Amino acid sequence: MSGGEWFSLPLGDGLCAQPLLDDLLADFAARPAVDGQALLLLRETDGRLQCELTAYFTPAAASFARAWGARPCLRPSPDNLERLAGDAGWRARWFG
């Protein structure tokens, strides 16, 4: 499964973003599970001391993503993504 619209939500600096990330994870856990839904995280350093965090939402998590103000985006590269919550088989499902 590769179709559908992906969403991203910039969370900011890795240290400062933790309260927002905690709220996001708690809200995700409180909602009913949806097949294929996953919340993913990208940590980017680009040579900086602190990393920038971006949350990515699979197409199956579109309604959850919209509720958090996430914006549609291109499908990210799976290389540096880590799963925070949801479908444990996200890599195979969305990237084959």
PDB file of N, CA and C in Angstrom:
ATOM      1  N   MET A   1       0.848  -1.170   0.000  1.00  0.00           N
ATOM      2  CA  MET A   1       0.000   0.000   0.000  1.00  0.00           C
ATOM      3  C   MET A   1       0.890   1.227   0.000  1.00  0.00           C
ATOM      4  N   SER A   2       0.807   2.046  -1.016  1.00  0.00           N
ATOM      5  CA  SER A   2       1.662   3.222  -1.071  1.00  0.00           C
ATOM      6  C   SER A   2       0.876   4.488  -1.323  1.00  0.00           C
ATOM      7  N   GLY A   3      -0.406   4.385  -1.673  1.00  0.00           N
ATOM      8  CA  GLY A   3      -1.187   5.565  -2.005  1.00  0.00           C
ATOM      9  C   GLY A   3      -1.675   6.312  -0.783  1.00  0.00           C
ATOM     10  N   GLY A   4      -2.221   7.475  -1.034  1.00  0.00           N
ATOM     11  CA  GLY A   4      -2.765   8.291   0.039  1.00  0.00           C
ATOM     12  C   GLY A   4      -1.869   9.460   0.364  1.00  0.00           C
ATOM     13  N   GLU A   5      -2.436  10.365   1.094  1.00  0.00           N
ATOM     14  CA  GLU A   5      -1.749  11.602   1.427  1.00  0.00           C
ATOM     15  C   GLU A   5      -1.032  11.483   2.776  1.00  0.00           C
ATOM     16  N   TRP A   6       0.237  11.808   2.775  1.00  0.00           N
ATOM     17  CA  TRP A   6       1.044  11.853   3.988  1.00  0.00           C
ATOM     18  C   TRP A   6       0.917  13.232   4.620  1.00  0.00           C
ATOM     19  N   PHE A   7       1.201  13.306   5.919  1.00  0.00           N
ATOM     20  CA  PHE A   7       1.154  14.570   6.643  1.00  0.00           C
ATOM     21  C   PHE A   7       2.405  14.697   7.501  1.00  0.00           C
ATOM     22  N   SER A   8       2.826  15.948   7.707  1.00  0.00           N
ATOM     23  CA  SER A   8       3.965  16.207   8.589  1.00  0.00           C
ATOM     24  C   SER A   8       3.636  17.353   9.536  1.00  0.00           C
ATOM     25  N   LEU A   9       4.289  17.313  10.691  1.00  0.00           N
ATOM     26  CA  LEU A   9       4.110  18.338  11.708  1.00  0.00           C
ATOM     27  C   LEU A   9       5.477  18.639  12.309  1.00  0.00           C
ATOM     28  N   PRO A  10       6.035  19.826  12.006  1.00  0.00           N
ATOM     29  CA  PRO A  10       7.305  20.199  12.630  1.00  0.00           C
ATOM     30  C   PRO A  10       7.104  20.390  14.135  1.00  0.00           C
ATOM     31  N   LEU A  11       7.953  19.757  14.932  1.00  0.00           N
ATOM     32  CA  LEU A  11       7.840  19.838  16.383  1.00  0.00           C
ATOM     33  C   LEU A  11       8.877  20.761  16.993  1.00  0.00           C
ATOM     34  N   GLY A  12       9.892  21.117  16.228  1.00  0.00           N
ATOM     35  CA  GLY A  12      10.922  22.030  16.715  1.00  0.00           C
ATOM     36  C   GLY A  12      12.117  21.309  17.304  1.00  0.00           C
ATOM     37  N   ASP A  13      12.859  22.055  18.103  1.00  0.00           N
ATOM     38  CA  ASP A  13      14.068  21.573  18.749  1.00  0.00           C
ATOM     39  C   ASP A  13      13.777  20.321  19.585  1.00  0.00           C
ATOM     40  N   GLY A  14      14.665  19.355  19.493  1.00  0.00           N
ATOM     41  CA  GLY A  14      14.467  18.084  20.163  1.00  0.00           C
ATOM     42  C   GLY A  14      14.252  18.171  21.665  1.00  0.00           C
ATOM     43  N   LEU A  15      14.919  19.090  22.336  1.00  0.00           N
ATOM     44  CA  LEU A  15      14.745  19.232  23.782  1.00  0.00           C
ATOM     45  C   LEU A  15      13.445  19.948  24.123  1.00  0.00           C
ATOM     46  N   CYS A  16      13.147  21.004  23.414  1.00  0.00           N
ATOM     47  CA  CYS A  16      11.945  21.796  23.703  1.00  0.00           C
ATOM     48  C   CYS A  16      10.661  21.114  23.247  1.00  0.00           C
ATOM     49  N   ALA A  17      10.766  20.211  22.290  1.00  0.00           N
ATOM     50  CA  ALA A  17       9.580  19.576  21.703  1.00  0.00           C
ATOM     51  C   ALA A  17       9.015  18.437  22.543  1.00  0.00           C
ATOM     52  N   GLN A  18       9.719  18.021  23.572  1.00  0.00           N
ATOM     53  CA  GLN A  18       9.282  16.834  24.309  1.00  0.00           C
ATOM     54  C   GLN A  18       7.873  16.941  24.901  1.00  0.00           C
ATOM     55  N   PRO A  19       7.472  18.069  25.522  1.00  0.00           N
ATOM     56  CA  PRO A  19       6.094  18.145  26.022  1.00  0.00           C
ATOM     57  C   PRO A  19       5.044  18.000  24.913  1.00  0.00           C
ATOM     58  N   LEU A  20       5.297  18.624  23.768  1.00  0.00           N
ATOM     59  CA  LEU A  20       4.378  18.500  22.635  1.00  0.00           C
ATOM     60  C   LEU A  20       4.347  17.064  22.138  1.00  0.00           C
ATOM     61  N   LEU A  21       5.495  16.433  22.057  1.00  0.00           N
ATOM     62  CA  LEU A  21       5.580  15.045  21.617  1.00  0.00           C
ATOM     63  C   LEU A  21       4.844  14.129  22.586  1.00  0.00           C
ATOM     64  N   ASP A  22       4.976  14.373  23.871  1.00  0.00           N
ATOM     65  CA  ASP A  22       4.257  13.583  24.876  1.00  0.00           C
ATOM     66  C   ASP A  22       2.742  13.716  24.701  1.00  0.00           C
ATOM     67  N   ASP A  23       2.262  14.946  24.460  1.00  0.00           N
ATOM     68  CA  ASP A  23       0.831  15.181  24.242  1.00  0.00           C
ATOM     69  C   ASP A  23       0.345  14.467  22.984  1.00  0.00           C
ATOM     70  N   LEU A  24       1.155  14.526  21.939  1.00  0.00           N
ATOM     71  CA  LEU A  24       0.810  13.879  20.672  1.00  0.00           C
ATOM     72  C   LEU A  24       0.679  12.364  20.864  1.00  0.00           C
ATOM     73  N   LEU A  25       1.631  11.774  21.562  1.00  0.00           N
ATOM     74  CA  LEU A  25       1.594  10.327  21.812  1.00  0.00           C
ATOM     75  C   LEU A  25       0.417   9.934  22.694  1.00  0.00           C
ATOM     76  N   ALA A  26       0.118  10.732  23.697  1.00  0.00           N
ATOM     77  CA  ALA A  26      -1.017  10.431  24.571  1.00  0.00           C
ATOM     78  C   ALA A  26      -2.327  10.492  23.799  1.00  0.00           C
ATOM     79  N   ASP A  27      -2.475  11.487  22.949  1.00  0.00           N
ATOM     80  CA  ASP A  27      -3.688  11.615  22.143  1.00  0.00           C
ATOM     81  C   ASP A  27      -3.801  10.450  21.159  1.00  0.00           C
ATOM     82  N   PHE A  28      -2.696  10.071  20.547  1.00  0.00           N
ATOM     83  CA  PHE A  28      -2.691   8.947  19.611  1.00  0.00           C
ATOM     84  C   PHE A  28      -3.135   7.673  20.325  1.00  0.00           C
ATOM     85  N   ALA A  29      -2.604   7.440  21.528  1.00  0.00           N
ATOM     86  CA  ALA A  29      -2.925   6.233  22.282  1.00  0.00           C
ATOM     87  C   ALA A  29      -4.383   6.206  22.737  1.00  0.00           C
ATOM     88  N   ALA A  30      -4.974   7.377  22.924  1.00  0.00           N
ATOM     89  CA  ALA A  30      -6.353   7.460  23.417  1.00  0.00           C
ATOM     90  C   ALA A  30      -7.392   7.229  22.322  1.00  0.00           C
ATOM     91  N   ARG A  31      -6.965   7.257  21.087  1.00  0.00           N
ATOM     92  CA  ARG A  31      -7.901   7.093  19.970  1.00  0.00           C
ATOM     93  C   ARG A  31      -7.990   5.630  19.549  1.00  0.00           C
ATOM     94  N   PRO A  32      -9.119   5.254  18.941  1.00  0.00           N
ATOM     95  CA  PRO A  32      -9.236   3.874  18.451  1.00  0.00           C
ATOM     96  C   PRO A  32      -8.178   3.569  17.391  1.00  0.00           C
ATOM     97  N   ALA A  33      -7.670   2.360  17.415  1.00  0.00           N
ATOM     98  CA  ALA A  33      -6.670   1.943  16.430  1.00  0.00           C
ATOM     99  C   ALA A  33      -7.306   1.869  15.046  1.00  0.00           C
ATOM    100  N   VAL A  34      -6.564   2.311  14.052  1.00  0.00           N
ATOM    101  CA  VAL A  34      -6.983   2.259  12.655  1.00  0.00           C
ATOM    102  C   VAL A  34      -5.926   1.471  11.901  1.00  0.00           C
ATOM    103  N   ASP A  35      -6.355   0.527  11.077  1.00  0.00           N
ATOM    104  CA  ASP A  35      -5.428  -0.292  10.307  1.00  0.00           C
ATOM    105  C   ASP A  35      -4.513   0.584   9.461  1.00  0.00           C
ATOM    106  N   GLY A  36      -3.212   0.388   9.604  1.00  0.00           N
ATOM    107  CA  GLY A  36      -2.239   1.120   8.799  1.00  0.00           C
ATOM    108  C   GLY A  36      -1.830   2.467   9.361  1.00  0.00           C
ATOM    109  N   GLN A  37      -2.439   2.848  10.468  1.00  0.00           N
ATOM    110  CA  GLN A  37      -2.140   4.147  11.069  1.00  0.00           C
ATOM    111  C   GLN A  37      -0.837   4.063  11.852  1.00  0.00           C
ATOM    112  N   ALA A  38       0.071   4.999  11.589  1.00  0.00           N
ATOM    113  CA  ALA A  38       1.328   5.050  12.341  1.00  0.00           C
ATOM    114  C   ALA A  38       1.777   6.490  12.488  1.00  0.00           C
ATOM    115  N   LEU A  39       2.424   6.741  13.602  1.00  0.00           N
ATOM    116  CA  LEU A  39       3.030   8.027  13.903  1.00  0.00           C
ATOM    117  C   LEU A  39       4.529   7.804  13.884  1.00  0.00           C
ATOM    118  N   LEU A  40       5.215   8.547  13.042  1.00  0.00           N
ATOM    119  CA  LEU A  40       6.644   8.353  12.818  1.00  0.00           C
ATOM    120  C   LEU A  40       7.398   9.622  13.181  1.00  0.00           C
ATOM    121  N   LEU A  41       8.685   9.494  13.454  1.00  0.00           N
ATOM    122  CA  LEU A  41       9.486  10.640  13.855  1.00  0.00           C
ATOM    123  C   LEU A  41      10.778  10.684  13.056  1.00  0.00           C
ATOM    124  N   LEU A  42      11.130  11.881  12.626  1.00  0.00           N
ATOM    125  CA  LEU A  42      12.405  12.128  11.956  1.00  0.00           C
ATOM    126  C   LEU A  42      13.197  13.104  12.806  1.00  0.00           C
ATOM    127  N   ARG A  43      14.426  12.728  13.132  1.00  0.00           N
ATOM    128  CA  ARG A  43      15.345  13.608  13.863  1.00  0.00           C
ATOM    129  C   ARG A  43      16.397  14.089  12.873  1.00  0.00           C
ATOM    130  N   GLU A  44      16.446  15.383  12.658  1.00  0.00           N
ATOM    131  CA  GLU A  44      17.409  15.956  11.712  1.00  0.00           C
ATOM    132  C   GLU A  44      18.390  16.852  12.465  1.00  0.00           C
ATOM    133  N   THR A  45      19.678  16.657  12.208  1.00  0.00           N
ATOM    134  CA  THR A  45      20.677  17.490  12.871  1.00  0.00           C
ATOM    135  C   THR A  45      21.300  18.499  11.911  1.00  0.00           C
ATOM    136  N   ASP A  46      21.545  18.127  10.690  1.00  0.00           N
ATOM    137  CA  ASP A  46      22.171  19.021   9.709  1.00  0.00           C
ATOM    138  C   ASP A  46      23.390  19.730  10.283  1.00  0.00           C
ATOM    139  N   GLY A  47      24.172  19.028  11.089  1.00  0.00           N
ATOM    140  CA  GLY A  47      25.386  19.594  11.649  1.00  0.00           C
ATOM    141  C   GLY A  47      25.178  20.495  12.852  1.00  0.00           C
ATOM    142  N   ARG A  48      23.957  20.680  13.278  1.00  0.00           N
ATOM    143  CA  ARG A  48      23.684  21.520  14.447  1.00  0.00           C
ATOM    144  C   ARG A  48      23.870  20.706  15.722  1.00  0.00           C
ATOM    145  N   LEU A  49      23.990  21.407  16.836  1.00  0.00           N
ATOM    146  CA  LEU A  49      24.138  20.743  18.129  1.00  0.00           C
ATOM    147  C   LEU A  49      22.854  20.018  18.508  1.00  0.00           C
ATOM    148  N   GLN A  50      21.714  20.676  18.353  1.00  0.00           N
ATOM    149  CA  GLN A  50      20.418  20.086  18.684  1.00  0.00           C
ATOM    150  C   GLN A  50      19.731  19.591  17.417  1.00  0.00           C
ATOM    151  N   CYS A  51      18.919  18.573  17.560  1.00  0.00           N
ATOM    152  CA  CYS A  51      18.185  18.066  16.406  1.00  0.00           C
ATOM    153  C   CYS A  51      16.810  18.728  16.322  1.00  0.00           C
ATOM    154  N   GLU A  52      16.286  18.755  15.128  1.00  0.00           N
ATOM    155  CA  GLU A  52      14.927  19.225  14.868  1.00  0.00           C
ATOM    156  C   GLU A  52      14.059  17.987  14.676  1.00  0.00           C
ATOM    157  N   LEU A  53      12.887  17.986  15.295  1.00  0.00           N
ATOM    158  CA  LEU A  53      11.987  16.848  15.187  1.00  0.00           C
ATOM    159  C   LEU A  53      10.819  17.176  14.271  1.00  0.00           C
ATOM    160  N   THR A  54      10.467  16.200  13.446  1.00  0.00           N
ATOM    161  CA  THR A  54       9.283  16.300  12.595  1.00  0.00           C
ATOM    162  C   THR A  54       8.504  15.011  12.730  1.00  0.00           C
ATOM    163  N   ALA A  55       7.217  15.147  13.025  1.00  0.00           N
ATOM    164  CA  ALA A  55       6.334  13.986  13.088  1.00  0.00           C
ATOM    165  C   ALA A  55       5.738  13.758  11.708  1.00  0.00           C
ATOM    166  N   TYR A  56       5.682  12.509  11.290  1.00  0.00           N
ATOM    167  CA  TYR A  56       5.036  12.131  10.032  1.00  0.00           C
ATOM    168  C   TYR A  56       3.887  11.186  10.351  1.00  0.00           C
ATOM    169  N   PHE A  57       2.810  11.355   9.624  1.00  0.00           N
ATOM    170  CA  PHE A  57       1.604  10.563   9.814  1.00  0.00           C
ATOM    171  C   PHE A  57       1.332   9.797   8.525  1.00  0.00           C
ATOM    172  N   THR A  58       1.137   8.491   8.625  1.00  0.00           N
ATOM    173  CA  THR A  58       0.803   7.706   7.437  1.00  0.00           C
ATOM    174  C   THR A  58      -0.571   8.143   6.915  1.00  0.00           C
ATOM    175  N   PRO A  59      -0.868   7.847   5.654  1.00  0.00           N
ATOM    176  CA  PRO A  59      -2.179   8.223   5.109  1.00  0.00           C
ATOM    177  C   PRO A  59      -3.356   7.709   5.938  1.00  0.00           C
ATOM    178  N   ALA A  60      -3.205   6.559   6.568  1.00  0.00           N
ATOM    179  CA  ALA A  60      -4.290   6.021   7.395  1.00  0.00           C
ATOM    180  C   ALA A  60      -4.541   6.860   8.645  1.00  0.00           C
ATOM    181  N   ALA A  61      -3.594   7.721   8.992  1.00  0.00           N
ATOM    182  CA  ALA A  61      -3.720   8.581  10.171  1.00  0.00           C
ATOM    183  C   ALA A  61      -4.101  10.006   9.780  1.00  0.00           C
ATOM    184  N   ALA A  62      -4.656  10.185   8.594  1.00  0.00           N
ATOM    185  CA  ALA A  62      -4.945  11.521   8.076  1.00  0.00           C
ATOM    186  C   ALA A  62      -5.858  12.335   8.981  1.00  0.00           C
ATOM    187  N   SER A  63      -6.928  11.749   9.493  1.00  0.00           N
ATOM    188  CA  SER A  63      -7.846  12.525  10.332  1.00  0.00           C
ATOM    189  C   SER A  63      -7.164  12.935  11.637  1.00  0.00           C
ATOM    190  N   PHE A  64      -6.350  12.068  12.202  1.00  0.00           N
ATOM    191  CA  PHE A  64      -5.590  12.401  13.398  1.00  0.00           C
ATOM    192  C   PHE A  64      -4.600  13.534  13.087  1.00  0.00           C
ATOM    193  N   ALA A  65      -3.913  13.418  11.965  1.00  0.00           N
ATOM    194  CA  ALA A  65      -2.940  14.440  11.561  1.00  0.00           C
ATOM    195  C   ALA A  65      -3.609  15.804  11.406  1.00  0.00           C
ATOM    196  N   ARG A  66      -4.748  15.834  10.744  1.00  0.00           N
ATOM    197  CA  ARG A  66      -5.460  17.105  10.546  1.00  0.00           C
ATOM    198  C   ARG A  66      -5.875  17.715  11.886  1.00  0.00           C
ATOM    199  N   ALA A  67      -6.284  16.879  12.824  1.00  0.00           N
ATOM    200  CA  ALA A  67      -6.702  17.369  14.143  1.00  0.00           C
ATOM    201  C   ALA A  67      -5.547  18.063  14.866  1.00  0.00           C
ATOM    202  N   TRP A  68      -4.332  17.693  14.540  1.00  0.00           N
ATOM    203  CA  TRP A  68      -3.147  18.293  15.154  1.00  0.00           C
ATOM    204  C   TRP A  68      -2.549  19.421  14.310  1.00  0.00           C
ATOM    205  N   GLY A  69      -3.197  19.753  13.212  1.00  0.00           N
ATOM    206  CA  GLY A  69      -2.702  20.843  12.376  1.00  0.00           C
ATOM    207  C   GLY A  69      -1.560  20.459  11.466  1.00  0.00           C
ATOM    208  N   ALA A  70      -1.361  19.157  11.269  1.00  0.00           N
ATOM    209  CA  ALA A  70      -0.306  18.706  10.360  1.00  0.00           C
ATOM    210  C   ALA A  70      -0.695  19.064   8.926  1.00  0.00           C
ATOM    211  N   ARG A  71       0.299  19.265   8.103  1.00  0.00           N
ATOM    212  CA  ARG A  71       0.094  19.663   6.713  1.00  0.00           C
ATOM    213  C   ARG A  71       0.400  18.501   5.767  1.00  0.00           C
ATOM    214  N   PRO A  72      -0.328  18.428   4.660  1.00  0.00           N
ATOM    215  CA  PRO A  72      -0.001  17.413   3.656  1.00  0.00           C
ATOM    216  C   PRO A  72       1.446  17.592   3.185  1.00  0.00           C
ATOM    217  N   CYS A  73       2.081  16.484   2.884  1.00  0.00           N
ATOM    218  CA  CYS A  73       3.472  16.530   2.437  1.00  0.00           C
ATOM    219  C   CYS A  73       3.727  15.370   1.479  1.00  0.00           C
ATOM    220  N   LEU A  74       4.888  15.393   0.868  1.00  0.00           N
ATOM    221  CA  LEU A  74       5.324  14.270   0.055  1.00  0.00           C
ATOM    222  C   LEU A  74       5.654  13.103   0.978  1.00  0.00           C
ATOM    223  N   ARG A  75       5.548  11.915   0.450  1.00  0.00           N
ATOM    224  CA  ARG A  75       5.910  10.739   1.241  1.00  0.00           C
ATOM    225  C   ARG A  75       7.391  10.848   1.611  1.00  0.00           C
ATOM    226  N   PRO A  76       7.706  10.746   2.902  1.00  0.00           N
ATOM    227  CA  PRO A  76       9.109  10.870   3.314  1.00  0.00           C
ATOM    228  C   PRO A  76       9.906   9.619   2.959  1.00  0.00           C
ATOM    229  N   SER A  77      11.210   9.772   2.966  1.00  0.00           N
ATOM    230  CA  SER A  77      12.077   8.613   2.819  1.00  0.00           C
ATOM    231  C   SER A  77      12.021   7.823   4.125  1.00  0.00           C
ATOM    232  N   PRO A  78      11.927   6.509   4.063  1.00  0.00           N
ATOM    233  CA  PRO A  78      11.840   5.722   5.296  1.00  0.00           C
ATOM    234  C   PRO A  78      13.176   5.556   6.013  1.00  0.00           C
ATOM    235  N   ASP A  79      14.263   5.984   5.385  1.00  0.00           N
ATOM    236  CA  ASP A  79      15.602   5.681   5.893  1.00  0.00           C
ATOM    237  C   ASP A  79      15.846   6.078   7.345  1.00  0.00           C
ATOM    238  N   ASN A  80      15.459   7.269   7.734  1.00  0.00           N
ATOM    239  CA  ASN A  80      15.763   7.729   9.087  1.00  0.00           C
ATOM    240  C   ASN A  80      14.531   7.905   9.964  1.00  0.00           C
ATOM    241  N   LEU A  81      13.414   7.344   9.524  1.00  0.00           N
ATOM    242  CA  LEU A  81      12.196   7.444  10.316  1.00  0.00           C
ATOM    243  C   LEU A  81      12.186   6.387  11.416  1.00  0.00           C
ATOM    244  N   GLU A  82      11.636   6.758  12.557  1.00  0.00           N
ATOM    245  CA  GLU A  82      11.420   5.785  13.621  1.00  0.00           C
ATOM    246  C   GLU A  82       9.945   5.790  13.992  1.00  0.00           C
ATOM    247  N   ARG A  83       9.434   4.627  14.321  1.00  0.00           N
ATOM    248  CA  ARG A  83       8.015   4.514  14.695  1.00  0.00           C
ATOM    249  C   ARG A  83       7.857   4.909  16.149  1.00  0.00           C
ATOM    250  N   LEU A  84       6.932   5.832  16.385  1.00  0.00           N
ATOM    251  CA  LEU A  84       6.588   6.217  17.750  1.00  0.00           C
ATOM    252  C   LEU A  84       5.391   5.439  18.253  1.00  0.00           C
ATOM    253  N   ALA A  85       4.421   5.231  17.368  1.00  0.00           N
ATOM    254  CA  ALA A  85       3.186   4.547  17.759  1.00  0.00           C
ATOM    255  C   ALA A  85       2.479   4.047  16.511  1.00  0.00           C
ATOM    256  N   GLY A  86       1.603   3.079  16.714  1.00  0.00           N
ATOM    257  CA  GLY A  86       0.784   2.585  15.613  1.00  0.00           C
ATOM    258  C   GLY A  86       1.339   1.333  14.963  1.00  0.00           C
ATOM    259  N   ASP A  87       0.987   1.159  13.715  1.00  0.00           N
ATOM    260  CA  ASP A  87       1.269  -0.040  12.924  1.00  0.00           C
ATOM    261  C   ASP A  87       2.752  -0.416  12.936  1.00  0.00           C
ATOM    262  N   ALA A  88       3.072  -1.544  13.560  1.00  0.00           N
ATOM    263  CA  ALA A  88       4.456  -2.016  13.624  1.00  0.00           C
ATOM    264  C   ALA A  88       4.990  -2.400  12.244  1.00  0.00           C
ATOM    265  N   GLY A  89       4.107  -2.715  11.321  1.00  0.00           N
ATOM    266  CA  GLY A  89       4.523  -3.080   9.974  1.00  0.00           C
ATOM    267  C   GLY A  89       4.463  -1.918   8.996  1.00  0.00           C
ATOM    268  N   TRP A  90       4.595  -0.702   9.506  1.00  0.00           N
ATOM    269  CA  TRP A  90       4.462   0.496   8.672  1.00  0.00           C
ATOM    270  C   TRP A  90       5.426   0.511   7.499  1.00  0.00           C
ATOM    271  N   ARG A  91       6.653   0.074   7.694  1.00  0.00           N
ATOM    272  CA  ARG A  91       7.669   0.147   6.618  1.00  0.00           C
ATOM    273  C   ARG A  91       7.243  -0.730   5.429  1.00  0.00           C
ATOM    274  N   ALA A  92       6.862  -1.953   5.702  1.00  0.00           N
ATOM    275  CA  ALA A  92       6.445  -2.851   4.625  1.00  0.00           C
ATOM    276  C   ALA A  92       5.152  -2.388   3.994  1.00  0.00           C
ATOM    277  N   ARG A  93       4.215  -1.898   4.804  1.00  0.00           N
ATOM    278  CA  ARG A  93       2.914  -1.479   4.304  1.00  0.00           C
ATOM    279  C   ARG A  93       3.012  -0.263   3.389  1.00  0.00           C
ATOM    280  N   TRP A  94       3.781   0.737   3.805  1.00  0.00           N
ATOM    281  CA  TRP A  94       3.783   2.007   3.079  1.00  0.00           C
ATOM    282  C   TRP A  94       4.964   2.179   2.128  1.00  0.00           C
ATOM    283  N   PHE A  95       5.994   1.328   2.276  1.00  0.00           N
ATOM    284  CA  PHE A  95       7.168   1.478   1.415  1.00  0.00           C
ATOM    285  C   PHE A  95       7.515   0.190   0.680  1.00  0.00           C
ATOM    286  N   GLY A  96       6.730  -0.870   0.903  1.00  0.00           N
ATOM    287  CA  GLY A  96       6.908  -2.126   0.193  1.00  0.00           C
ATOM    288  C   GLY A  96       8.221  -2.726   0.479  1.00  0.00           C
TER     289      GLY A  96
END
